[in-house]
Amino acid sequence: LKINPSYAPVIALELQDIASIDSNYNYEILTENNE
């Protein structure tokens, strides 16, 4: 998961290390069952 903080370049975060994601923006999500 790539995120760009305002104070640093883009950071790549490993998915299995992430506990939660919070955003007010709109996304396209693809799941492992092709949904």
All heavy atoms as atom14 arrays in JSON, in Angstrom:
{
  "sequence": "LKINPSYAPVIALELQDIASIDSNYNYEILTENNE",
  "atom14_mask": [
    [1, 1, 1, 1, 1, 1, 1, 1, 0, 0, 0, 0, 0, 0],
    [1, 1, 1, 1, 1, 1, 1, 1, 1, 0, 0, 0, 0, 0],
    [1, 1, 1, 1, 1, 1, 1, 1, 0, 0, 0, 0, 0, 0],
    [1, 1, 1, 1, 1, 1, 1, 1, 0, 0, 0, 0, 0, 0],
    [1, 1, 1, 1, 1, 1, 1, 0, 0, 0, 0, 0, 0, 0],
    [1, 1, 1, 1, 1, 1, 0, 0, 0, 0, 0, 0, 0, 0],
    [1, 1, 1, 1, 1, 1, 1, 1, 1, 1, 1, 1, 0, 0],
    [1, 1, 1, 1, 1, 0, 0, 0, 0, 0, 0, 0, 0, 0],
    [1, 1, 1, 1, 1, 1, 1, 0, 0, 0, 0, 0, 0, 0],
    [1, 1, 1, 1, 1, 1, 1, 0, 0, 0, 0, 0, 0, 0],
    [1, 1, 1, 1, 1, 1, 1, 1, 0, 0, 0, 0, 0, 0],
    [1, 1, 1, 1, 1, 0, 0, 0, 0, 0, 0, 0, 0, 0],
    [1, 1, 1, 1, 1, 1, 1, 1, 0, 0, 0, 0, 0, 0],
    [1, 1, 1, 1, 1, 1, 1, 1, 1, 0, 0, 0, 0, 0],
    [1, 1, 1, 1, 1, 1, 1, 1, 0, 0, 0, 0, 0, 0],
    [1, 1, 1, 1, 1, 1, 1, 1, 1, 0, 0, 0, 0, 0],
    [1, 1, 1, 1, 1, 1, 1, 1, 0, 0, 0, 0, 0, 0],
    [1, 1, 1, 1, 1, 1, 1, 1, 0, 0, 0, 0, 0, 0],
    [1, 1, 1, 1, 1, 0, 0, 0, 0, 0, 0, 0, 0, 0],
    [1, 1, 1, 1, 1, 1, 0, 0, 0, 0, 0, 0, 0, 0],
    [1, 1, 1, 1, 1, 1, 1, 1, 0, 0, 0, 0, 0, 0],
    [1, 1, 1, 1, 1, 1, 1, 1, 0, 0, 0, 0, 0, 0],
    [1, 1, 1, 1, 1, 1, 0, 0, 0, 0, 0, 0, 0, 0],
    [1, 1, 1, 1, 1, 1, 1, 1, 0, 0, 0, 0, 0, 0],
    [1, 1, 1, 1, 1, 1, 1, 1, 1, 1, 1, 1, 0, 0],
    [1, 1, 1, 1, 1, 1, 1, 1, 0, 0, 0, 0, 0, 0],
    [1, 1, 1, 1, 1, 1, 1, 1, 1, 1, 1, 1, 0, 0],
    [1, 1, 1, 1, 1, 1, 1, 1, 1, 0, 0, 0, 0, 0],
    [1, 1, 1, 1, 1, 1, 1, 1, 0, 0, 0, 0, 0, 0],
    [1, 1, 1, 1, 1, 1, 1, 1, 0, 0, 0, 0, 0, 0],
    [1, 1, 1, 1, 1, 1, 1, 0, 0, 0, 0, 0, 0, 0],
    [1, 1, 1, 1, 1, 1, 1, 1, 1, 0, 0, 0, 0, 0],
    [1, 1, 1, 1, 1, 1, 1, 1, 0, 0, 0, 0, 0, 0],
    [1, 1, 1, 1, 1, 1, 1, 1, 0, 0, 0, 0, 0, 0],
    [1, 1, 1, 1, 1, 1, 1, 1, 1, 0, 0, 0, 0, 0]
  ],
  "atom14_positions": [
    [[0.86, -1.18, 0.0], [0.0, 0.0, 0.0], [0.9, 1.23, 0.0], [1.72, 1.41, 0.9], [-0.91, 0.02, 1.23], [-1.85, 1.22, 1.32], [-2.98, 1.07, 0.32], [-2.39, 1.38, 2.73], [0.0, 0.0, 0.0], [0.0, 0.0, 0.0], [0.0, 0.0, 0.0], [0.0, 0.0, 0.0], [0.0, 0.0, 0.0], [0.0, 0.0, 0.0]],
    [[0.76, 2.08, -1.02], [1.59, 3.27, -1.12], [0.82, 4.49, -0.64], [-0.31, 4.72, -1.07], [2.07, 3.47, -2.56], [3.05, 2.4, -3.01], [3.69, 2.72, -4.35], [4.75, 1.7, -4.7], [5.43, 2.01, -5.99], [0.0, 0.0, 0.0], [0.0, 0.0, 0.0], [0.0, 0.0, 0.0], [0.0, 0.0, 0.0], [0.0, 0.0, 0.0]],
    [[1.45, 5.25, 0.24], [0.86, 6.46, 0.78], [1.9, 7.58, 0.73], [3.09, 7.35, 0.96], [0.36, 6.24, 2.23], [-0.33, 7.49, 2.75], [1.47, 5.77, 3.15], [-1.03, 7.3, 4.09], [0.0, 0.0, 0.0], [0.0, 0.0, 0.0], [0.0, 0.0, 0.0], [0.0, 0.0, 0.0], [0.0, 0.0, 0.0], [0.0, 0.0, 0.0]],
    [[1.45, 8.78, 0.41], [2.35, 9.92, 0.27], [2.08, 10.93, 1.39], [1.14, 11.73, 1.29], [2.14, 10.56, -1.09], [3.13, 11.68, -1.39], [2.95, 12.42, -2.33], [4.21, 11.79, -0.62], [0.0, 0.0, 0.0], [0.0, 0.0, 0.0], [0.0, 0.0, 0.0], [0.0, 0.0, 0.0], [0.0, 0.0, 0.0], [0.0, 0.0, 0.0]],
    [[2.88, 10.91, 2.46], [2.71, 11.93, 3.51], [3.12, 13.3, 2.98], [3.92, 13.41, 2.04], [3.66, 11.45, 4.62], [3.98, 10.03, 4.28], [3.91, 9.93, 2.8], [0.0, 0.0, 0.0], [0.0, 0.0, 0.0], [0.0, 0.0, 0.0], [0.0, 0.0, 0.0], [0.0, 0.0, 0.0], [0.0, 0.0, 0.0], [0.0, 0.0, 0.0]],
    [[2.58, 14.35, 3.57], [2.93, 15.7, 3.13], [4.36, 16.06, 3.5], [4.93, 16.99, 2.93], [1.97, 16.71, 3.75], [2.01, 16.63, 5.17], [0.0, 0.0, 0.0], [0.0, 0.0, 0.0], [0.0, 0.0, 0.0], [0.0, 0.0, 0.0], [0.0, 0.0, 0.0], [0.0, 0.0, 0.0], [0.0, 0.0, 0.0], [0.0, 0.0, 0.0]],
    [[4.96, 15.31, 4.41], [6.29, 15.64, 4.93], [7.37, 14.69, 4.41], [8.53, 14.79, 4.83], [6.28, 15.57, 6.46], [5.7, 14.29, 7.02], [6.48, 13.16, 7.16], [4.36, 14.23, 7.37], [5.94, 11.98, 7.65], [3.81, 13.06, 7.87], [4.6, 11.93, 8.0], [4.05, 10.77, 8.48], [0.0, 0.0, 0.0], [0.0, 0.0, 0.0]],
    [[7.03, 13.75, 3.51], [8.0, 12.75, 3.07], [7.61, 12.21, 1.71], [6.47, 12.4, 1.26], [8.09, 11.61, 4.1], [0.0, 0.0, 0.0], [0.0, 0.0, 0.0], [0.0, 0.0, 0.0], [0.0, 0.0, 0.0], [0.0, 0.0, 0.0], [0.0, 0.0, 0.0], [0.0, 0.0, 0.0], [0.0, 0.0, 0.0], [0.0, 0.0, 0.0]],
    [[8.55, 11.54, 1.02], [8.2, 10.9, -0.25], [7.23, 9.74, -0.03], [6.87, 9.4, 1.11], [9.56, 10.39, -0.77], [10.59, 11.14, 0.0], [9.98, 11.43, 1.34], [0.0, 0.0, 0.0], [0.0, 0.0, 0.0], [0.0, 0.0, 0.0], [0.0, 0.0, 0.0], [0.0, 0.0, 0.0], [0.0, 0.0, 0.0], [0.0, 0.0, 0.0]],
    [[6.8, 9.12, -1.12], [5.86, 8.0, -1.05], [6.46, 6.85, -0.24], [7.62, 6.49, -0.4], [5.49, 7.52, -2.47], [4.6, 6.28, -2.4], [4.78, 8.63, -3.24], [0.0, 0.0, 0.0], [0.0, 0.0, 0.0], [0.0, 0.0, 0.0], [0.0, 0.0, 0.0], [0.0, 0.0, 0.0], [0.0, 0.0, 0.0], [0.0, 0.0, 0.0]],
    [[5.63, 6.28, 0.65], [6.05, 5.16, 1.5], [5.26, 3.92, 1.09], [4.05, 3.98, 0.88], [5.8, 5.47, 2.99], [6.57, 6.72, 3.42], [6.19, 4.28, 3.87], [6.23, 7.18, 4.83], [0.0, 0.0, 0.0], [0.0, 0.0, 0.0], [0.0, 0.0, 0.0], [0.0, 0.0, 0.0], [0.0, 0.0, 0.0], [0.0, 0.0, 0.0]],
    [[5.95, 2.79, 0.96], [5.3, 1.51, 0.66], [5.15, 0.72, 1.95], [6.13, 0.45, 2.66], [6.11, 0.71, -0.36], [0.0, 0.0, 0.0], [0.0, 0.0, 0.0], [0.0, 0.0, 0.0], [0.0, 0.0, 0.0], [0.0, 0.0, 0.0], [0.0, 0.0, 0.0], [0.0, 0.0, 0.0], [0.0, 0.0, 0.0], [0.0, 0.0, 0.0]],
    [[3.91, 0.35, 2.29], [3.62, -0.39, 3.51], [3.18, -1.8, 3.18], [2.33, -2.0, 2.29], [2.51, 0.33, 4.3], [2.76, 1.81, 4.64], [1.52, 2.41, 5.28], [3.97, 1.95, 5.56], [0.0, 0.0, 0.0], [0.0, 0.0, 0.0], [0.0, 0.0, 0.0], [0.0, 0.0, 0.0], [0.0, 0.0, 0.0], [0.0, 0.0, 0.0]],
    [[3.75, -2.78, 3.87], [3.37, -4.17, 3.65], [1.95, -4.41, 4.15], [1.58, -3.98, 5.25], [4.35, -5.11, 4.36], [5.79, -4.98, 3.89], [5.98, -5.47, 2.47], [5.12, -6.25, 1.99], [6.97, -5.09, 1.84], [0.0, 0.0, 0.0], [0.0, 0.0, 0.0], [0.0, 0.0, 0.0], [0.0, 0.0, 0.0], [0.0, 0.0, 0.0]],
    [[1.16, -5.1, 3.34], [-0.26, -5.27, 3.63], [-0.48, -5.99, 4.96], [-1.39, -5.64, 5.73], [-0.94, -6.04, 2.5], [-2.46, -6.18, 2.58], [-3.12, -4.81, 2.57], [-2.99, -7.01, 1.42], [0.0, 0.0, 0.0], [0.0, 0.0, 0.0], [0.0, 0.0, 0.0], [0.0, 0.0, 0.0], [0.0, 0.0, 0.0], [0.0, 0.0, 0.0]],
    [[0.33, -7.01, 5.24], [0.09, -7.8, 6.46], [0.46, -7.04, 7.73], [0.13, -7.47, 8.83], [0.88, -9.12, 6.4], [2.36, -9.02, 6.73], [3.18, -8.51, 5.56], [2.62, -8.29, 4.5], [4.47, -8.36, 5.75], [0.0, 0.0, 0.0], [0.0, 0.0, 0.0], [0.0, 0.0, 0.0], [0.0, 0.0, 0.0], [0.0, 0.0, 0.0]],
    [[1.12, -5.86, 7.59], [1.49, -5.05, 8.75], [0.45, -3.98, 9.07], [0.57, -3.27, 10.06], [2.85, -4.37, 8.53], [3.98, -5.38, 8.41], [3.85, -6.48, 9.01], [4.97, -5.08, 7.74], [0.0, 0.0, 0.0], [0.0, 0.0, 0.0], [0.0, 0.0, 0.0], [0.0, 0.0, 0.0], [0.0, 0.0, 0.0], [0.0, 0.0, 0.0]],
    [[-0.58, -3.86, 8.22], [-1.56, -2.78, 8.36], [-2.74, -3.25, 9.2], [-3.33, -4.31, 8.93], [-2.05, -2.3, 6.98], [-0.87, -1.74, 6.18], [-3.14, -1.26, 7.12], [-1.23, -1.38, 4.76], [0.0, 0.0, 0.0], [0.0, 0.0, 0.0], [0.0, 0.0, 0.0], [0.0, 0.0, 0.0], [0.0, 0.0, 0.0], [0.0, 0.0, 0.0]],
    [[-3.11, -2.46, 10.2], [-4.25, -2.79, 11.06], [-5.54, -2.15, 10.56], [-6.61, -2.77, 10.63], [-3.98, -2.34, 12.5], [0.0, 0.0, 0.0], [0.0, 0.0, 0.0], [0.0, 0.0, 0.0], [0.0, 0.0, 0.0], [0.0, 0.0, 0.0], [0.0, 0.0, 0.0], [0.0, 0.0, 0.0], [0.0, 0.0, 0.0], [0.0, 0.0, 0.0]],
    [[-5.47, -0.93, 10.03], [-6.69, -0.26, 9.56], [-6.34, 0.83, 8.56], [-5.22, 1.35, 8.53], [-7.48, 0.33, 10.72], [-6.75, 1.38, 11.34], [0.0, 0.0, 0.0], [0.0, 0.0, 0.0], [0.0, 0.0, 0.0], [0.0, 0.0, 0.0], [0.0, 0.0, 0.0], [0.0, 0.0, 0.0], [0.0, 0.0, 0.0], [0.0, 0.0, 0.0]],
    [[-7.34, 1.17, 7.73], [-7.22, 2.24, 6.74], [-8.46, 3.13, 6.86], [-9.58, 2.63, 6.93], [-7.13, 1.69, 5.3], [-5.94, 0.73, 5.16], [-7.02, 2.82, 4.29], [-5.88, 0.04, 3.81], [0.0, 0.0, 0.0], [0.0, 0.0, 0.0], [0.0, 0.0, 0.0], [0.0, 0.0, 0.0], [0.0, 0.0, 0.0], [0.0, 0.0, 0.0]],
    [[-8.24, 4.44, 6.87], [-9.35, 5.38, 7.0], [-9.2, 6.48, 5.96], [-8.16, 7.14, 5.89], [-9.37, 5.99, 8.41], [-10.75, 6.51, 8.79], [-11.61, 6.58, 7.89], [-10.96, 6.82, 9.97], [0.0, 0.0, 0.0], [0.0, 0.0, 0.0], [0.0, 0.0, 0.0], [0.0, 0.0, 0.0], [0.0, 0.0, 0.0], [0.0, 0.0, 0.0]],
    [[-10.24, 6.66, 5.11], [-10.17, 7.67, 4.07], [-11.58, 8.12, 3.7], [-12.53, 7.35, 3.79], [-9.47, 7.11, 2.82], [-9.5, 8.04, 1.76], [0.0, 0.0, 0.0], [0.0, 0.0, 0.0], [0.0, 0.0, 0.0], [0.0, 0.0, 0.0], [0.0, 0.0, 0.0], [0.0, 0.0, 0.0], [0.0, 0.0, 0.0], [0.0, 0.0, 0.0]],
    [[-11.71, 9.37, 3.28], [-12.99, 9.91, 2.82], [-13.08, 9.92, 1.3], [-14.04, 10.43, 0.74], [-13.19, 11.34, 3.34], [-13.38, 11.37, 4.85], [-14.02, 10.49, 5.42], [-12.81, 12.38, 5.49], [0.0, 0.0, 0.0], [0.0, 0.0, 0.0], [0.0, 0.0, 0.0], [0.0, 0.0, 0.0], [0.0, 0.0, 0.0], [0.0, 0.0, 0.0]],
    [[-12.06, 9.36, 0.64], [-12.01, 9.38, -0.8], [-12.69, 8.14, -1.37], [-13.06, 7.22, -0.63], [-10.55, 9.45, -1.26], [-10.38, 9.97, -2.66], [-10.75, 11.26, -3.0], [-9.83, 9.17, -3.65], [-10.6, 11.74, -4.28], [-9.67, 9.63, -4.94], [-10.05, 10.92, -5.25], [-9.89, 11.38, -6.53], [0.0, 0.0, 0.0], [0.0, 0.0, 0.0]],
    [[-12.86, 8.1, -2.7], [-13.5, 6.97, -3.37], [-12.46, 6.11, -4.07], [-11.5, 6.63, -4.66], [-14.53, 7.47, -4.39], [-15.7, 8.16, -3.73], [-16.59, 7.53, -3.2], [-15.68, 9.5, -3.75], [0.0, 0.0, 0.0], [0.0, 0.0, 0.0], [0.0, 0.0, 0.0], [0.0, 0.0, 0.0], [0.0, 0.0, 0.0], [0.0, 0.0, 0.0]],
    [[-12.67, 4.79, -4.0], [-11.71, 3.84, -4.52], [-12.4, 2.74, -5.3], [-13.58, 2.44, -5.1], [-10.9, 3.2, -3.38], [-10.08, 4.18, -2.59], [-10.63, 4.86, -1.5], [-8.76, 4.44, -2.91], [-9.89, 5.76, -0.76], [-8.01, 5.34, -2.18], [-8.57, 5.99, -1.1], [-7.83, 6.89, -0.38], [0.0, 0.0, 0.0], [0.0, 0.0, 0.0]],
    [[-11.62, 2.13, -6.19], [-12.0, 0.86, -6.79], [-11.24, -0.24, -6.06], [-10.01, -0.17, -5.92], [-11.65, 0.82, -8.28], [-11.93, -0.54, -8.91], [-11.33, -0.67, -10.3], [-10.46, 0.16, -10.66], [-11.69, -1.61, -11.01], [0.0, 0.0, 0.0], [0.0, 0.0, 0.0], [0.0, 0.0, 0.0], [0.0, 0.0, 0.0], [0.0, 0.0, 0.0]],
    [[-11.96, -1.24, -5.58], [-11.35, -2.33, -4.81], [-11.57, -3.63, -5.55], [-12.69, -3.93, -5.99], [-11.96, -2.42, -3.4], [-11.69, -1.13, -2.62], [-11.4, -3.61, -2.64], [-12.37, -1.1, -1.26], [0.0, 0.0, 0.0], [0.0, 0.0, 0.0], [0.0, 0.0, 0.0], [0.0, 0.0, 0.0], [0.0, 0.0, 0.0], [0.0, 0.0, 0.0]],
    [[-10.52, -4.42, -5.69], [-10.6, -5.74, -6.29], [-10.26, -6.78, -5.23], [-9.2, -6.71, -4.6], [-9.64, -5.86, -7.47], [-9.61, -7.21, -8.19], [-10.96, -7.52, -8.82], [-8.51, -7.23, -9.25], [0.0, 0.0, 0.0], [0.0, 0.0, 0.0], [0.0, 0.0, 0.0], [0.0, 0.0, 0.0], [0.0, 0.0, 0.0], [0.0, 0.0, 0.0]],
    [[-11.17, -7.73, -5.01], [-10.96, -8.77, -4.0], [-10.48, -10.05, -4.66], [-10.53, -10.2, -5.88], [-12.25, -9.03, -3.21], [-13.23, -9.59, -4.09], [-12.79, -7.74, -2.62], [0.0, 0.0, 0.0], [0.0, 0.0, 0.0], [0.0, 0.0, 0.0], [0.0, 0.0, 0.0], [0.0, 0.0, 0.0], [0.0, 0.0, 0.0], [0.0, 0.0, 0.0]],
    [[-10.03, -11.0, -3.83], [-9.47, -12.23, -4.37], [-10.51, -13.13, -5.03], [-10.15, -14.06, -5.75], [-8.74, -13.0, -3.27], [-9.62, -13.46, -2.13], [-8.83, -14.21, -1.08], [-7.59, -14.23, -1.16], [-9.45, -14.77, -0.19], [0.0, 0.0, 0.0], [0.0, 0.0, 0.0], [0.0, 0.0, 0.0], [0.0, 0.0, 0.0], [0.0, 0.0, 0.0]],
    [[-11.79, -12.9, -4.82], [-12.83, -13.64, -5.53], [-13.33, -12.86, -6.75], [-14.44, -13.09, -7.24], [-13.99, -13.98, -4.61], [-14.65, -12.75, -4.01], [-14.21, -11.63, -4.25], [-15.71, -12.95, -3.25], [0.0, 0.0, 0.0], [0.0, 0.0, 0.0], [0.0, 0.0, 0.0], [0.0, 0.0, 0.0], [0.0, 0.0, 0.0], [0.0, 0.0, 0.0]],
    [[-12.46, -11.91, -7.25], [-12.72, -11.15, -8.48], [-13.95, -10.26, -8.4], [-14.62, -10.0, -9.39], [-12.84, -12.09, -9.69], [-11.55, -12.8, -9.99], [-10.54, -12.17, -10.25], [-11.58, -14.12, -9.94], [0.0, 0.0, 0.0], [0.0, 0.0, 0.0], [0.0, 0.0, 0.0], [0.0, 0.0, 0.0], [0.0, 0.0, 0.0], [0.0, 0.0, 0.0]],
    [[-14.24, -9.74, -7.22], [-15.33, -8.8, -7.04], [-14.78, -7.38, -7.1], [-13.8, -7.05, -6.42], [-16.03, -9.02, -5.7], [-17.24, -8.14, -5.48], [-17.9, -8.39, -4.14], [-17.26, -9.03, -3.26], [-19.05, -7.95, -3.95], [0.0, 0.0, 0.0], [0.0, 0.0, 0.0], [0.0, 0.0, 0.0], [0.0, 0.0, 0.0], [0.0, 0.0, 0.0]]
  ]
}
